[in-house]
C-alpha atoms as a PDB file:
ATOM      1  CA  MET A   1      52.795 -41.091 -40.800  1.00  0.00           C
ATOM      2  CA  SER A   2      49.877 -39.537 -38.659  1.00  0.00           C
ATOM      3  CA  ALA A   3      47.745 -41.080 -35.990  1.00  0.00           C
ATOM      4  CA  ARG A   4      44.075 -41.812 -37.067  1.00  0.00           C
ATOM      5  CA  VAL A   5      42.016 -40.193 -34.405  1.00  0.00           C
ATOM      6  CA  PRO A   6      39.002 -42.847 -32.847  1.00  0.00           C
ATOM      7  CA  GLU A   7      35.806 -42.325 -34.086  1.00  0.00           C
ATOM      8  CA  SER A   8      34.079 -41.420 -30.497  1.00  0.00           C
ATOM      9  CA  LYS A   9      36.166 -38.241 -30.920  1.00  0.00           C
ATOM     10  CA  LEU A  10      35.352 -37.666 -34.816  1.00  0.00           C
ATOM     11  CA  LYS A  11      31.594 -37.645 -33.189  1.00  0.00           C
ATOM     12  CA  LYS A  12      32.063 -35.931 -31.095  1.00  0.00           C
ATOM     13  CA  ALA A  13      33.505 -33.373 -32.530  1.00  0.00           C
ATOM     14  CA  ILE A  14      30.910 -33.521 -35.183  1.00  0.00           C
ATOM     15  CA  GLU A  15      28.300 -32.831 -32.081  1.00  0.00           C
ATOM     16  CA  ARG A  16      29.545 -30.094 -30.750  1.00  0.00           C
ATOM     17  CA  GLN A  17      29.548 -28.258 -34.337  1.00  0.00           C
ATOM     18  CA  ASN A  18      25.925 -28.986 -35.147  1.00  0.00           C
ATOM     19  CA  GLN A  19      24.538 -27.862 -31.022  1.00  0.00           C
ATOM     20  CA  PRO A  20      23.312 -24.196 -31.757  1.00  0.00           C
ATOM     21  CA  LYS A  21      24.787 -21.139 -29.260  1.00  0.00           C
ATOM     22  CA  LYS A  22      23.532 -20.276 -26.540  1.00  0.00           C
ATOM     23  CA  ILE A  23      21.683 -17.580 -25.856  1.00  0.00           C
ATOM     24  CA  LYS A  24      23.593 -14.870 -23.944  1.00  0.00           C
ATOM     25  CA  VAL A  25      22.676 -12.361 -21.861  1.00  0.00           C
ATOM     26  CA  ALA A  26      24.052  -9.176 -20.626  1.00  0.00           C
ATOM     27  CA  SER A  27      24.786 -10.139 -16.144  1.00  0.00           C
ATOM     28  CA  CYS A  28      21.692  -7.848 -14.471  1.00  0.00           C
ATOM     29  CA  THR A  29      23.764  -5.175 -13.104  1.00  0.00           C
ATOM     30  CA  PRO A  30      22.060  -3.640  -9.656  1.00  0.00           C
ATOM     31  CA  ALA A  31      21.761  -0.099 -12.372  1.00  0.00           C
ATOM     32  CA  TYR A  32      19.260  -2.477 -14.310  1.00  0.00           C
ATOM     33  CA  ARG A  33      17.102  -3.021 -11.108  1.00  0.00           C
ATOM     34  CA  HIS A  34      17.337   0.051  -9.641  1.00  0.00           C
ATOM     35  CA  LYS A  35      15.945   0.835 -13.347  1.00  0.00           C
ATOM     36  CA  LYS A  36      13.762  -1.415 -13.848  1.00  0.00           C
ATOM     37  CA  GLY A  37      11.974  -1.537 -10.086  1.00  0.00           C
ATOM     38  CA  MET A  38      11.453   2.543 -10.546  1.00  0.00           C
ATOM     39  CA  GLU A  39       9.868   1.798 -14.487  1.00  0.00           C
ATOM     40  CA  VAL A  40       7.704  -1.225 -12.713  1.00  0.00           C
ATOM     41  CA  HIS A  41       5.773   0.773  -9.615  1.00  0.00           C
ATOM     42  CA  GLN A  42       5.911   5.090 -11.635  1.00  0.00           C
ATOM     43  CA  LYS A  43       3.812   1.800 -14.197  1.00  0.00           C
ATOM     44  CA  TRP A  44       1.857   1.014 -11.485  1.00  0.00           C
ATOM     45  CA  MET A  45       1.564   4.378 -10.024  1.00  0.00           C
ATOM     46  CA  LYS A  46       0.231   5.808 -13.309  1.00  0.00           C
ATOM     47  CA  GLN A  47      -2.270   2.821 -14.662  1.00  0.00           C
ATOM     48  CA  LYS A  48      -3.593   4.003 -10.745  1.00  0.00           C
ATOM     49  CA  LYS A  49      -4.143   7.676 -10.947  1.00  0.00           C
ATOM     50  CA  GLU A  50      -5.029   7.432 -14.505  1.00  0.00           C
ATOM     51  CA  THR A  51      -8.198   5.160 -12.987  1.00  0.00           C
ATOM     52  CA  ILE A  52      -9.061   7.422 -10.117  1.00  0.00           C
ATOM     53  CA  ALA A  53      -9.063  10.508 -12.258  1.00  0.00           C
ATOM     54  CA  MET A  54     -11.040   9.193 -13.931  1.00  0.00           C
ATOM     55  CA  ARG A  55     -13.735   7.968 -11.695  1.00  0.00           C
ATOM     56  CA  ARG A  56     -13.567  11.048  -9.926  1.00  0.00           C
ATOM     57  CA  LYS A  57     -14.932  12.521 -13.723  1.00  0.00           C
ATOM     58  CA  ALA A  58     -17.852  10.128 -14.343  1.00  0.00           C
ATOM     59  CA  ASP A  59     -18.858  11.478 -10.990  1.00  0.00           C
ATOM     60  CA  LYS A  60     -18.161  14.850 -10.970  1.00  0.00           C
ATOM     61  CA  GLU A  61     -20.895  14.350 -14.672  1.00  0.00           C
ATOM     62  CA  GLY A  62     -23.225  11.787 -13.295  1.00  0.00           C
ATOM     63  CA  SER A  63     -21.570   9.415 -15.446  1.00  0.00           C
ATOM     64  CA  PHE A  64     -20.904   5.781 -15.251  1.00  0.00           C
ATOM     65  CA  PHE A  65     -17.041   4.605 -15.912  1.00  0.00           C
ATOM     66  CA  VAL A  66     -15.926   0.811 -16.509  1.00  0.00           C
ATOM     67  CA  GLU A  67     -12.912  -0.228 -16.064  1.00  0.00           C
ATOM     68  CA  ALA A  68     -10.256  -1.605 -19.068  1.00  0.00           C
ATOM     69  CA  ALA A  69     -10.953  -5.441 -19.576  1.00  0.00           C
ATOM     70  CA  PRO A  70      -8.658  -7.321 -17.738  1.00  0.00           C
ATOM     71  CA  LYS A  71      -5.516  -9.383 -19.231  1.00  0.00           C
ATOM     72  CA  VAL A  72      -4.774 -11.727 -16.515  1.00  0.00           C
ATOM     73  CA  ALA A  73      -5.545 -13.437 -13.417  1.00  0.00           C
ATOM     74  CA  PHE A  74      -4.937 -15.184 -10.673  1.00  0.00           C
ATOM     75  CA  VAL A  75      -6.511 -19.052 -10.552  1.00  0.00           C
ATOM     76  CA  MET A  76      -6.462 -20.633  -7.228  1.00  0.00           C
ATOM     77  CA  ARG A  77      -7.925 -23.493  -5.762  1.00  0.00           C
ATOM     78  CA  THR A  78      -9.347 -24.413  -3.200  1.00  0.00           C
ATOM     79  CA  LYS A  79     -10.724 -28.004  -3.765  1.00  0.00           C
ATOM     80  CA  GLY A  80      -9.975 -31.490  -3.623  1.00  0.00           C
ATOM     81  CA  ILE A  81     -10.488 -34.278  -6.579  1.00  0.00           C
ATOM     82  CA  HIS A  82     -13.307 -35.308  -4.473  1.00  0.00           C
ATOM     83  CA  LYS A  83     -16.792 -36.435  -6.938  1.00  0.00           C
ATOM     84  CA  VAL A  84     -14.919 -33.950  -9.595  1.00  0.00           C
ATOM     85  CA  PRO A  85     -16.013 -34.573 -13.335  1.00  0.00           C
ATOM     86  CA  PRO A  86     -13.543 -35.804 -16.176  1.00  0.00           C
ATOM     87  CA  ARG A  87     -13.501 -32.924 -18.353  1.00  0.00           C
ATOM     88  CA  PRO A  88     -13.332 -30.489 -14.971  1.00  0.00           C
ATOM     89  CA  ARG A  89     -11.315 -32.109 -14.274  1.00  0.00           C
ATOM     90  CA  LYS A  90      -8.902 -32.481 -17.490  1.00  0.00           C
ATOM     91  CA  ILE A  91      -8.875 -29.300 -16.683  1.00  0.00           C
ATOM     92  CA  LEU A  92      -8.175 -28.466 -14.208  1.00  0.00           C
ATOM     93  CA  CYS A  93      -3.780 -30.376 -14.796  1.00  0.00           C
ATOM     94  CA  LEU A  94      -4.598 -28.062 -18.236  1.00  0.00           C
ATOM     95  CA  LEU A  95      -3.917 -25.138 -16.070  1.00  0.00           C
ATOM     96  CA  ARG A  96      -1.110 -27.126 -13.381  1.00  0.00           C
ATOM     97  CA  LEU A  97      -4.071 -26.285 -11.166  1.00  0.00           C
ATOM     98  CA  ARG A  98      -3.150 -30.147  -9.789  1.00  0.00           C
ATOM     99  CA  GLN A  99      -3.905 -30.154  -6.027  1.00  0.00           C
ATOM    100  CA  ILE A 100      -5.835 -27.581  -3.131  1.00  0.00           C
ATOM    101  CA  TYR A 101      -4.296 -24.284  -3.133  1.00  0.00           C
ATOM    102  CA  ASN A 102      -2.293 -24.421  -6.349  1.00  0.00           C
ATOM    103  CA  GLY A 103      -2.348 -21.424  -7.702  1.00  0.00           C
ATOM    104  CA  VAL A 104      -1.479 -20.124 -11.667  1.00  0.00           C
ATOM    105  CA  PHE A 105      -0.991 -17.500 -13.572  1.00  0.00           C
ATOM    106  CA  VAL A 106      -3.639 -16.762 -16.729  1.00  0.00           C
ATOM    107  CA  LYS A 107      -3.706 -15.774 -19.815  1.00  0.00           C
ATOM    108  CA  LEU A 108      -7.958 -13.866 -19.967  1.00  0.00           C
ATOM    109  CA  ASN A 109      -8.834 -14.753 -23.614  1.00  0.00           C
ATOM    110  CA  SER A 110     -11.524 -16.747 -25.954  1.00  0.00           C
ATOM    111  CA  SER A 111     -10.161 -19.467 -24.423  1.00  0.00           C
ATOM    112  CA  THR A 112      -9.999 -19.499 -21.218  1.00  0.00           C
ATOM    113  CA  ILE A 113     -12.915 -17.797 -19.721  1.00  0.00           C
ATOM    114  CA  PRO A 114     -15.108 -20.237 -20.771  1.00  0.00           C
ATOM    115  CA  MET A 115     -12.320 -22.607 -18.949  1.00  0.00           C
ATOM    116  CA  LEU A 116     -12.600 -20.989 -16.311  1.00  0.00           C
ATOM    117  CA  ARG A 117     -16.075 -20.645 -16.298  1.00  0.00           C
ATOM    118  CA  HIS A 118     -16.440 -24.383 -16.378  1.00  0.00           C
ATOM    119  CA  ILE A 119     -14.582 -25.064 -13.143  1.00  0.00           C
ATOM    120  CA  GLU A 120     -15.431 -22.212 -11.513  1.00  0.00           C
ATOM    121  CA  PRO A 121     -17.616 -24.510  -8.338  1.00  0.00           C
ATOM    122  CA  TRP A 122     -13.437 -25.548  -7.825  1.00  0.00           C
ATOM    123  CA  VAL A 123     -11.742 -22.159  -7.510  1.00  0.00           C
ATOM    124  CA  THR A 124     -11.225 -19.369  -7.033  1.00  0.00           C
ATOM    125  CA  TYR A 125      -9.541 -15.873  -8.933  1.00  0.00           C
ATOM    126  CA  GLY A 126      -9.378 -12.890  -9.807  1.00  0.00           C
ATOM    127  CA  GLN A 127      -6.733  -9.433 -10.627  1.00  0.00           C
ATOM    128  CA  LEU A 128      -3.901  -9.384  -8.153  1.00  0.00           C
ATOM    129  CA  SER A 129      -2.043  -5.544  -7.786  1.00  0.00           C
ATOM    130  CA  THR A 130       1.725  -5.094  -8.466  1.00  0.00           C
ATOM    131  CA  PRO A 131       2.623  -5.167  -5.309  1.00  0.00           C
ATOM    132  CA  THR A 132       0.883  -8.097  -3.735  1.00  0.00           C
ATOM    133  CA  VAL A 133       2.039  -9.964  -7.433  1.00  0.00           C
ATOM    134  CA  LYS A 134       5.616  -9.086  -5.858  1.00  0.00           C
ATOM    135  CA  ASN A 135       4.963 -10.218  -3.237  1.00  0.00           C
ATOM    136  CA  LEU A 136       3.638 -13.312  -4.416  1.00  0.00           C
ATOM    137  CA  LEU A 137       6.299 -13.946  -6.797  1.00  0.00           C
ATOM    138  CA  PHE A 138       9.103 -13.185  -3.021  1.00  0.00           C
ATOM    139  CA  LYS A 139       7.633 -15.719  -0.782  1.00  0.00           C
ATOM    140  CA  ARG A 140       6.390 -18.414  -3.302  1.00  0.00           C
ATOM    141  CA  GLY A 141       8.108 -17.532  -6.479  1.00  0.00           C
ATOM    142  CA  PHE A 142       9.946 -20.967  -7.925  1.00  0.00           C
ATOM    143  CA  VAL A 143      10.825 -21.066 -10.683  1.00  0.00           C
ATOM    144  CA  LYS A 144      11.958 -24.759 -13.299  1.00  0.00           C
ATOM    145  CA  LEU A 145      15.460 -25.063 -13.769  1.00  0.00           C
ATOM    146  CA  ASN A 146      16.669 -28.097 -15.146  1.00  0.00           C
ATOM    147  CA  THR A 147      13.545 -30.393 -13.993  1.00  0.00           C
ATOM    148  CA  GLN A 148      13.649 -29.707 -11.042  1.00  0.00           C
ATOM    149  CA  ARG A 149      12.071 -27.367  -8.401  1.00  0.00           C
ATOM    150  CA  ILE A 150      14.418 -24.501  -7.417  1.00  0.00           C
ATOM    151  CA  GLN A 151      13.929 -20.942  -5.506  1.00  0.00           C
ATOM    152  CA  MET A 152      13.513 -17.655  -6.904  1.00  0.00           C
ATOM    153  CA  GLN A 153      16.615 -17.071  -4.033  1.00  0.00           C
ATOM    154  CA  ASN A 154      18.300 -14.065  -6.678  1.00  0.00           C
ATOM    155  CA  ASN A 155      18.782 -12.931 -10.057  1.00  0.00           C
ATOM    156  CA  GLN A 156      21.530 -15.266 -11.029  1.00  0.00           C
ATOM    157  CA  ILE A 157      18.888 -18.068 -10.540  1.00  0.00           C
ATOM    158  CA  ILE A 158      16.146 -15.664 -13.152  1.00  0.00           C
ATOM    159  CA  GLU A 159      18.972 -15.794 -16.175  1.00  0.00           C
ATOM    160  CA  ALA A 160      19.257 -18.976 -16.599  1.00  0.00           C
ATOM    161  CA  ALA A 161      15.548 -19.867 -15.950  1.00  0.00           C
ATOM    162  CA  PHE A 162      14.905 -17.758 -18.785  1.00  0.00           C
ATOM    163  CA  ALA A 163      18.666 -18.183 -20.615  1.00  0.00           C
ATOM    164  CA  LYS A 164      16.666 -17.316 -24.103  1.00  0.00           C
ATOM    165  CA  THR A 165      14.768 -14.612 -22.776  1.00  0.00           C
ATOM    166  CA  LYS A 166      15.924 -10.919 -23.798  1.00  0.00           C
ATOM    167  CA  GLU A 167      13.091  -9.540 -21.346  1.00  0.00           C
ATOM    168  CA  VAL A 168      13.304 -11.914 -19.257  1.00  0.00           C
ATOM    169  CA  ASN A 169      17.452 -10.546 -17.234  1.00  0.00           C
ATOM    170  CA  CYS A 170      16.189 -10.228 -13.647  1.00  0.00           C
ATOM    171  CA  PHE A 171      12.668 -10.688 -10.804  1.00  0.00           C
ATOM    172  CA  ASP A 172      10.923  -6.828 -11.719  1.00  0.00           C
ATOM    173  CA  ASP A 173      11.429  -7.783 -16.035  1.00  0.00           C
ATOM    174  CA  ILE A 174       9.349 -11.359 -14.526  1.00  0.00           C
ATOM    175  CA  VAL A 175       6.204  -8.535 -12.711  1.00  0.00           C
ATOM    176  CA  ASP A 176       6.626  -5.790 -15.533  1.00  0.00           C
ATOM    177  CA  GLN A 177       5.103  -9.696 -17.817  1.00  0.00           C
ATOM    178  CA  ILE A 178       2.704 -10.572 -15.461  1.00  0.00           C
ATOM    179  CA  THR A 179       1.111  -7.806 -14.479  1.00  0.00           C
ATOM    180  CA  ASN A 180       1.479  -6.332 -18.511  1.00  0.00           C
ATOM    181  CA  CYS A 181       1.238  -9.631 -20.203  1.00  0.00           C
ATOM    182  CA  GLY A 182       3.755  -8.792 -22.185  1.00  0.00           C
ATOM    183  CA  PRO A 183       4.393 -10.364 -24.694  1.00  0.00           C
ATOM    184  CA  GLN A 184       6.285 -13.087 -22.525  1.00  0.00           C
ATOM    185  CA  PHE A 185       4.777 -13.021 -20.168  1.00  0.00           C
ATOM    186  CA  LYS A 186       3.753 -17.551 -21.547  1.00  0.00           C
ATOM    187  CA  ARG A 187       7.267 -17.828 -21.007  1.00  0.00           C
ATOM    188  CA  VAL A 188       7.159 -16.704 -17.664  1.00  0.00           C
ATOM    189  CA  THR A 189       4.771 -18.541 -16.440  1.00  0.00           C
ATOM    190  CA  SER A 190       5.263 -21.955 -18.488  1.00  0.00           C
ATOM    191  CA  THR A 191       9.386 -21.582 -16.478  1.00  0.00           C
ATOM    192  CA  LEU A 192       6.802 -20.746 -12.774  1.00  0.00           C
ATOM    193  CA  TRP A 193       6.635 -23.254 -11.599  1.00  0.00           C
ATOM    194  CA  PRO A 194       2.510 -23.303 -10.280  1.00  0.00           C
ATOM    195  CA  PHE A 195       2.542 -21.138  -6.270  1.00  0.00           C
ATOM    196  CA  LYS A 196       1.945 -23.730  -3.386  1.00  0.00           C
ATOM    197  CA  LEU A 197      -0.188 -22.016  -1.023  1.00  0.00           C
ATOM    198  CA  LEU A 198      -1.004 -21.998   2.021  1.00  0.00           C
ATOM    199  CA  PRO A 199      -4.752 -22.484   3.425  1.00  0.00           C
ATOM    200  CA  PRO A 200      -6.459 -18.851   4.902  1.00  0.00           C
ATOM    201  CA  ARG A 201      -5.869 -17.651   8.111  1.00  0.00           C
ATOM    202  CA  GLY A 202      -9.460 -18.665   9.273  1.00  0.00           C
ATOM    203  CA  GLY A 203      -9.928 -21.462   7.162  1.00  0.00           C
ATOM    204  CA  ILE A 204     -12.725 -21.273   4.281  1.00  0.00           C
ATOM    205  CA  ASN A 205     -16.254 -21.990   5.363  1.00  0.00           C
ATOM    206  CA  LYS A 206     -18.215 -21.896   2.611  1.00  0.00           C
ATOM    207  CA  LYS A 207     -16.667 -23.948  -0.254  1.00  0.00           C
ATOM    208  CA  ARG A 208     -20.617 -24.464  -1.987  1.00  0.00           C
ATOM    209  CA  LYS A 209     -21.375 -21.247  -2.337  1.00  0.00           C
ATOM    210  CA  HIS A 210     -20.110 -18.372  -4.794  1.00  0.00           C
ATOM    211  CA  PHE A 211     -18.650 -15.496  -3.914  1.00  0.00           C
ATOM    212  CA  ILE A 212     -20.910 -13.429  -4.453  1.00  0.00           C
ATOM    213  CA  GLU A 213     -23.440 -14.878  -2.378  1.00  0.00           C
ATOM    214  CA  GLY A 214     -20.705 -14.223   1.001  1.00  0.00           C
ATOM    215  CA  GLY A 215     -18.667 -17.336  -0.485  1.00  0.00           C
ATOM    216  CA  ASP A 216     -15.716 -19.144  -1.176  1.00  0.00           C
ATOM    217  CA  TYR A 217     -15.137 -19.945  -4.980  1.00  0.00           C
ATOM    218  CA  GLY A 218     -16.003 -18.033  -7.821  1.00  0.00           C
ATOM    219  CA  ASN A 219     -14.192 -14.422  -9.258  1.00  0.00           C
ATOM    220  CA  ARG A 220     -13.595 -11.612  -6.361  1.00  0.00           C
ATOM    221  CA  GLU A 221     -12.274  -9.491  -8.998  1.00  0.00           C
ATOM    222  CA  ALA A 222     -10.454  -7.391  -7.012  1.00  0.00           C
ATOM    223  CA  TYR A 223     -10.158  -8.503  -3.717  1.00  0.00           C
ATOM    224  CA  MET A 224      -8.043 -11.602  -4.952  1.00  0.00           C
ATOM    225  CA  ASN A 225      -5.195  -9.349  -3.173  1.00  0.00           C
ATOM    226  CA  GLN A 226      -6.907  -9.867  -0.263  1.00  0.00           C
ATOM    227  CA  PHE A 227      -6.651 -13.354  -0.265  1.00  0.00           C
ATOM    228  CA  VAL A 228      -3.833 -13.772  -1.653  1.00  0.00           C
ATOM    229  CA  LYS A 229      -2.190 -12.733   1.438  1.00  0.00           C
ATOM    230  CA  GLN A 230      -4.646 -14.382   4.126  1.00  0.00           C
ATOM    231  CA  CYS A 231      -2.509 -17.882   2.602  1.00  0.00           C
ATOM    232  CA  LEU A 232       0.411 -16.122   2.825  1.00  0.00           C
END
């Protein structure tokens, strides 16, 4: 007569069978990292050279060159919670900008652009170059892994955080998805913890004025690179 199997063991066996299979991601080899790093750098250099060439051509022909609309912006909070109306406060929470000097990457579209305009007095934003994005991720990059805030010290942590994302295997994959607004942009930005930056060197003196008026809030466009470097 065979021994009776306990019900607890049967339940555990059924649970293991019903669990979804984990997606296995190929390990990020040094060759892959080197190749991806070169691809990201070459793509950025190509875009930079094309922009310079188009500007020179426009100057030569006496016309104007208008760059393509940016797809991604880095948004950083510059004011606290004092006297923030309910609607802007709600938008700041939706963008995960709950504390001063917090920063996030935002995809620019018909939904987010009006939101940024509504919270302009409390934030500053603009476009970051590929080297600045790399430096920001290297110094202040943290991922959400098992509900914990863990620094991206190596590619093993990145593989674990993005285990279900085939396109993201190493540091340069994250840079590529952010700078070029790749198909996994939403997944990458939601896994990244909001950046906690330092106050800019020299401080912020004109919080109540727009950047174009010599102040600190609002759209800085490419000048955001210099501001972020002061906060690292």
